[in-house]
Amino acid sequence: MTDLRPSDFTLGEKARLAGLVARMAKRGLADDGSGRVLQDLKRRVERIEDTARRRKQQQ
């Protein structure tokens, strides 16, 4: 797999990632310990990373 650096993300992707990380932190504070609470947000982050990775490989 290709390592991603902050410069590999667009400005919009960085903003979306920042928002998702903030939501993860908020949910993490309210988590009951099951760990299932963050799975949907993690999948969204992975999709953004996959998009950046595909774009980097095309260059």
PDB file of N, CA and C in Angstrom:
ATOM      1  N   MET A   1       0.827  -1.190   0.000  1.00  0.00           N
ATOM      2  CA  MET A   1       0.000   0.000   0.000  1.00  0.00           C
ATOM      3  C   MET A   1       0.863   1.241   0.000  1.00  0.00           C
ATOM      4  N   THR A   2       0.298   2.271  -0.540  1.00  0.00           N
ATOM      5  CA  THR A   2       0.985   3.541  -0.635  1.00  0.00           C
ATOM      6  C   THR A   2       0.771   4.336   0.648  1.00  0.00           C
ATOM      7  N   ASP A   3       1.874   4.868   1.172  1.00  0.00           N
ATOM      8  CA  ASP A   3       1.746   5.724   2.348  1.00  0.00           C
ATOM      9  C   ASP A   3       1.171   7.064   1.940  1.00  0.00           C
ATOM     10  N   LEU A   4       0.282   7.569   2.741  1.00  0.00           N
ATOM     11  CA  LEU A   4      -0.353   8.856   2.451  1.00  0.00           C
ATOM     12  C   LEU A   4       0.235   9.927   3.358  1.00  0.00           C
ATOM     13  N   ARG A   5       0.453  11.085   2.773  1.00  0.00           N
ATOM     14  CA  ARG A   5       0.914  12.238   3.524  1.00  0.00           C
ATOM     15  C   ARG A   5      -0.176  13.299   3.449  1.00  0.00           C
ATOM     16  N   PRO A   6      -0.131  14.271   4.335  1.00  0.00           N
ATOM     17  CA  PRO A   6      -1.166  15.319   4.286  1.00  0.00           C
ATOM     18  C   PRO A   6      -1.274  16.010   2.924  1.00  0.00           C
ATOM     19  N   SER A   7      -0.176  16.096   2.203  1.00  0.00           N
ATOM     20  CA  SER A   7      -0.209  16.766   0.901  1.00  0.00           C
ATOM     21  C   SER A   7      -0.944  15.939  -0.157  1.00  0.00           C
ATOM     22  N   ASP A   8      -1.227  14.678   0.129  1.00  0.00           N
ATOM     23  CA  ASP A   8      -1.944  13.818  -0.817  1.00  0.00           C
ATOM     24  C   ASP A   8      -3.454  14.050  -0.793  1.00  0.00           C
ATOM     25  N   PHE A   9      -3.935  14.763   0.200  1.00  0.00           N
ATOM     26  CA  PHE A   9      -5.368  15.018   0.339  1.00  0.00           C
ATOM     27  C   PHE A   9      -5.708  16.404  -0.189  1.00  0.00           C
ATOM     28  N   THR A  10      -6.898  16.523  -0.748  1.00  0.00           N
ATOM     29  CA  THR A  10      -7.372  17.842  -1.180  1.00  0.00           C
ATOM     30  C   THR A  10      -7.818  18.619   0.055  1.00  0.00           C
ATOM     31  N   LEU A  11      -8.031  19.900  -0.123  1.00  0.00           N
ATOM     32  CA  LEU A  11      -8.480  20.739   0.986  1.00  0.00           C
ATOM     33  C   LEU A  11      -9.830  20.249   1.525  1.00  0.00           C
ATOM     34  N   GLY A  12     -10.717  19.877   0.613  1.00  0.00           N
ATOM     35  CA  GLY A  12     -12.030  19.381   1.031  1.00  0.00           C
ATOM     36  C   GLY A  12     -11.925  18.074   1.808  1.00  0.00           C
ATOM     37  N   GLU A  13     -11.030  17.188   1.361  1.00  0.00           N
ATOM     38  CA  GLU A  13     -10.843  15.916   2.073  1.00  0.00           C
ATOM     39  C   GLU A  13     -10.276  16.148   3.465  1.00  0.00           C
ATOM     40  N   LYS A  14      -9.347  17.086   3.571  1.00  0.00           N
ATOM     41  CA  LYS A  14      -8.776  17.412   4.884  1.00  0.00           C
ATOM     42  C   LYS A  14      -9.853  17.936   5.827  1.00  0.00           C
ATOM     43  N   ALA A  15     -10.737  18.781   5.302  1.00  0.00           N
ATOM     44  CA  ALA A  15     -11.811  19.339   6.121  1.00  0.00           C
ATOM     45  C   ALA A  15     -12.775  18.234   6.564  1.00  0.00           C
ATOM     46  N   ARG A  16     -13.122  17.332   5.635  1.00  0.00           N
ATOM     47  CA  ARG A  16     -14.024  16.227   5.991  1.00  0.00           C
ATOM     48  C   ARG A  16     -13.369  15.311   7.008  1.00  0.00           C
ATOM     49  N   LEU A  17     -12.072  15.032   6.848  1.00  0.00           N
ATOM     50  CA  LEU A  17     -11.366  14.187   7.811  1.00  0.00           C
ATOM     51  C   LEU A  17     -11.334  14.838   9.191  1.00  0.00           C
ATOM     52  N   ALA A  18     -11.095  16.143   9.227  1.00  0.00           N
ATOM     53  CA  ALA A  18     -11.069  16.851  10.508  1.00  0.00           C
ATOM     54  C   ALA A  18     -12.430  16.753  11.207  1.00  0.00           C
ATOM     55  N   GLY A  19     -13.498  16.911  10.440  1.00  0.00           N
ATOM     56  CA  GLY A  19     -14.834  16.789  11.014  1.00  0.00           C
ATOM     57  C   GLY A  19     -15.116  15.387  11.524  1.00  0.00           C
ATOM     58  N   LEU A  20     -14.685  14.384  10.757  1.00  0.00           N
ATOM     59  CA  LEU A  20     -14.907  13.003  11.182  1.00  0.00           C
ATOM     60  C   LEU A  20     -14.100  12.662  12.423  1.00  0.00           C
ATOM     61  N   VAL A  21     -12.873  13.163  12.509  1.00  0.00           N
ATOM     62  CA  VAL A  21     -12.049  12.916  13.698  1.00  0.00           C
ATOM     63  C   VAL A  21     -12.697  13.562  14.924  1.00  0.00           C
ATOM     64  N   ALA A  22     -13.232  14.759  14.744  1.00  0.00           N
ATOM     65  CA  ALA A  22     -13.913  15.426  15.864  1.00  0.00           C
ATOM     66  C   ALA A  22     -15.137  14.621  16.302  1.00  0.00           C
ATOM     67  N   ARG A  23     -15.892  14.096  15.340  1.00  0.00           N
ATOM     68  CA  ARG A  23     -17.061  13.279  15.689  1.00  0.00           C
ATOM     69  C   ARG A  23     -16.643  11.992  16.377  1.00  0.00           C
ATOM     70  N   MET A  24     -15.520  11.405  15.929  1.00  0.00           N
ATOM     71  CA  MET A  24     -15.012  10.189  16.580  1.00  0.00           C
ATOM     72  C   MET A  24     -14.638  10.468  18.029  1.00  0.00           C
ATOM     73  N   ALA A  25     -13.995  11.609  18.253  1.00  0.00           N
ATOM     74  CA  ALA A  25     -13.609  11.966  19.619  1.00  0.00           C
ATOM     75  C   ALA A  25     -14.840  12.140  20.502  1.00  0.00           C
ATOM     76  N   LYS A  26     -15.837  12.800  19.975  1.00  0.00           N
ATOM     77  CA  LYS A  26     -17.066  13.030  20.732  1.00  0.00           C
ATOM     78  C   LYS A  26     -17.758  11.704  21.059  1.00  0.00           C
ATOM     79  N   ARG A  27     -17.839  10.820  20.056  1.00  0.00           N
ATOM     80  CA  ARG A  27     -18.461   9.515  20.289  1.00  0.00           C
ATOM     81  C   ARG A  27     -17.614   8.664  21.232  1.00  0.00           C
ATOM     82  N   GLY A  28     -16.308   8.799  21.110  1.00  0.00           N
ATOM     83  CA  GLY A  28     -15.419   8.025  21.978  1.00  0.00           C
ATOM     84  C   GLY A  28     -15.613   8.373  23.443  1.00  0.00           C
ATOM     85  N   LEU A  29     -15.893   9.621  23.715  1.00  0.00           N
ATOM     86  CA  LEU A  29     -16.141  10.029  25.091  1.00  0.00           C
ATOM     87  C   LEU A  29     -17.440   9.429  25.632  1.00  0.00           C
ATOM     88  N   ALA A  30     -18.412   9.239  24.762  1.00  0.00           N
ATOM     89  CA  ALA A  30     -19.708   8.716  25.175  1.00  0.00           C
ATOM     90  C   ALA A  30     -19.796   7.197  25.009  1.00  0.00           C
ATOM     91  N   ASP A  31     -18.720   6.555  24.555  1.00  0.00           N
ATOM     92  CA  ASP A  31     -18.729   5.125  24.248  1.00  0.00           C
ATOM     93  C   ASP A  31     -18.916   4.293  25.513  1.00  0.00           C
ATOM     94  N   ASP A  32     -19.634   3.187  25.354  1.00  0.00           N
ATOM     95  CA  ASP A  32     -19.850   2.274  26.469  1.00  0.00           C
ATOM     96  C   ASP A  32     -18.788   1.177  26.526  1.00  0.00           C
ATOM     97  N   GLY A  33     -17.792   1.254  25.643  1.00  0.00           N
ATOM     98  CA  GLY A  33     -16.712   0.281  25.643  1.00  0.00           C
ATOM     99  C   GLY A  33     -16.846  -0.796  24.588  1.00  0.00           C
ATOM    100  N   SER A  34     -17.929  -0.799  23.840  1.00  0.00           N
ATOM    101  CA  SER A  34     -18.140  -1.852  22.858  1.00  0.00           C
ATOM    102  C   SER A  34     -17.270  -1.663  21.613  1.00  0.00           C
ATOM    103  N   GLY A  35     -16.894  -0.445  21.272  1.00  0.00           N
ATOM    104  CA  GLY A  35     -16.075  -0.179  20.108  1.00  0.00           C
ATOM    105  C   GLY A  35     -16.853  -0.129  18.808  1.00  0.00           C
ATOM    106  N   ARG A  36     -18.102  -0.550  18.827  1.00  0.00           N
ATOM    107  CA  ARG A  36     -18.916  -0.558  17.610  1.00  0.00           C
ATOM    108  C   ARG A  36     -19.404   0.829  17.241  1.00  0.00           C
ATOM    109  N   VAL A  37     -19.295   1.743  18.145  1.00  0.00           N
ATOM    110  CA  VAL A  37     -19.840   3.080  17.956  1.00  0.00           C
ATOM    111  C   VAL A  37     -19.115   3.827  16.836  1.00  0.00           C
ATOM    112  N   LEU A  38     -17.844   3.532  16.622  1.00  0.00           N
ATOM    113  CA  LEU A  38     -17.035   4.297  15.679  1.00  0.00           C
ATOM    114  C   LEU A  38     -16.914   3.658  14.300  1.00  0.00           C
ATOM    115  N   GLN A  39     -17.445   2.469  14.104  1.00  0.00           N
ATOM    116  CA  GLN A  39     -17.223   1.742  12.859  1.00  0.00           C
ATOM    117  C   GLN A  39     -17.706   2.487  11.631  1.00  0.00           C
ATOM    118  N   ASP A  40     -18.857   3.123  11.694  1.00  0.00           N
ATOM    119  CA  ASP A  40     -19.361   3.827  10.513  1.00  0.00           C
ATOM    120  C   ASP A  40     -18.478   5.013  10.151  1.00  0.00           C
ATOM    121  N   LEU A  41     -17.971   5.711  11.153  1.00  0.00           N
ATOM    122  CA  LEU A  41     -17.087   6.844  10.877  1.00  0.00           C
ATOM    123  C   LEU A  41     -15.740   6.369  10.347  1.00  0.00           C
ATOM    124  N   LYS A  42     -15.242   5.252  10.858  1.00  0.00           N
ATOM    125  CA  LYS A  42     -13.980   4.699  10.367  1.00  0.00           C
ATOM    126  C   LYS A  42     -14.094   4.304   8.899  1.00  0.00           C
ATOM    127  N   ARG A  43     -15.227   3.740   8.508  1.00  0.00           N
ATOM    128  CA  ARG A  43     -15.432   3.374   7.103  1.00  0.00           C
ATOM    129  C   ARG A  43     -15.428   4.613   6.213  1.00  0.00           C
ATOM    130  N   ARG A  44     -16.006   5.697   6.692  1.00  0.00           N
ATOM    131  CA  ARG A  44     -16.021   6.935   5.908  1.00  0.00           C
ATOM    132  C   ARG A  44     -14.600   7.484   5.741  1.00  0.00           C
ATOM    133  N   VAL A  45     -13.803   7.401   6.804  1.00  0.00           N
ATOM    134  CA  VAL A  45     -12.409   7.847   6.722  1.00  0.00           C
ATOM    135  C   VAL A  45     -11.646   6.969   5.730  1.00  0.00           C
ATOM    136  N   GLU A  46     -11.875   5.666   5.790  1.00  0.00           N
ATOM    137  CA  GLU A  46     -11.189   4.748   4.870  1.00  0.00           C
ATOM    138  C   GLU A  46     -11.547   5.041   3.424  1.00  0.00           C
ATOM    139  N   ARG A  47     -12.797   5.404   3.157  1.00  0.00           N
ATOM    140  CA  ARG A  47     -13.193   5.741   1.784  1.00  0.00           C
ATOM    141  C   ARG A  47     -12.466   6.989   1.286  1.00  0.00           C
ATOM    142  N   ILE A  48     -12.317   7.975   2.154  1.00  0.00           N
ATOM    143  CA  ILE A  48     -11.593   9.189   1.779  1.00  0.00           C
ATOM    144  C   ILE A  48     -10.125   8.851   1.514  1.00  0.00           C
ATOM    145  N   GLU A  49      -9.541   8.023   2.368  1.00  0.00           N
ATOM    146  CA  GLU A  49      -8.147   7.608   2.172  1.00  0.00           C
ATOM    147  C   GLU A  49      -7.984   6.818   0.877  1.00  0.00           C
ATOM    148  N   ASP A  50      -8.933   5.951   0.577  1.00  0.00           N
ATOM    149  CA  ASP A  50      -8.868   5.175  -0.666  1.00  0.00           C
ATOM    150  C   ASP A  50      -8.906   6.083  -1.891  1.00  0.00           C
ATOM    151  N   THR A  51      -9.737   7.108  -1.840  1.00  0.00           N
ATOM    152  CA  THR A  51      -9.821   8.059  -2.944  1.00  0.00           C
ATOM    153  C   THR A  51      -8.486   8.778  -3.138  1.00  0.00           C
ATOM    154  N   ALA A  52      -7.886   9.218  -2.042  1.00  0.00           N
ATOM    155  CA  ALA A  52      -6.590   9.903  -2.120  1.00  0.00           C
ATOM    156  C   ALA A  52      -5.504   8.949  -2.623  1.00  0.00           C
ATOM    157  N   ARG A  53      -5.558   7.713  -2.184  1.00  0.00           N
ATOM    158  CA  ARG A  53      -4.572   6.710  -2.602  1.00  0.00           C
ATOM    159  C   ARG A  53      -4.682   6.434  -4.110  1.00  0.00           C
ATOM    160  N   ARG A  54      -5.913   6.297  -4.611  1.00  0.00           N
ATOM    161  CA  ARG A  54      -6.110   6.078  -6.050  1.00  0.00           C
ATOM    162  C   ARG A  54      -5.601   7.267  -6.858  1.00  0.00           C
ATOM    163  N   ARG A  55      -5.869   8.474  -6.375  1.00  0.00           N
ATOM    164  CA  ARG A  55      -5.427   9.668  -7.074  1.00  0.00           C
ATOM    165  C   ARG A  55      -3.898   9.732  -7.091  1.00  0.00           C
ATOM    166  N   LYS A  56      -3.261   9.370  -5.998  1.00  0.00           N
ATOM    167  CA  LYS A  56      -1.800   9.396  -5.910  1.00  0.00           C
ATOM    168  C   LYS A  56      -1.190   8.371  -6.857  1.00  0.00           C
ATOM    169  N   GLN A  57      -1.792   7.211  -6.975  1.00  0.00           N
ATOM    170  CA  GLN A  57      -1.254   6.165  -7.843  1.00  0.00           C
ATOM    171  C   GLN A  57      -1.396   6.535  -9.323  1.00  0.00           C
ATOM    172  N   GLN A  58      -2.374   7.351  -9.676  1.00  0.00           N
ATOM    173  CA  GLN A  58      -2.586   7.749 -11.064  1.00  0.00           C
ATOM    174  C   GLN A  58      -1.545   8.772 -11.522  1.00  0.00           C
ATOM    175  N   GLN A  59      -0.917   9.441 -10.586  1.00  0.00           N
ATOM    176  CA  GLN A  59       0.041  10.502 -10.942  1.00  0.00           C
ATOM    177  C   GLN A  59       1.350   9.921 -11.375  1.00  0.00           C
TER     178      GLN A  59
END
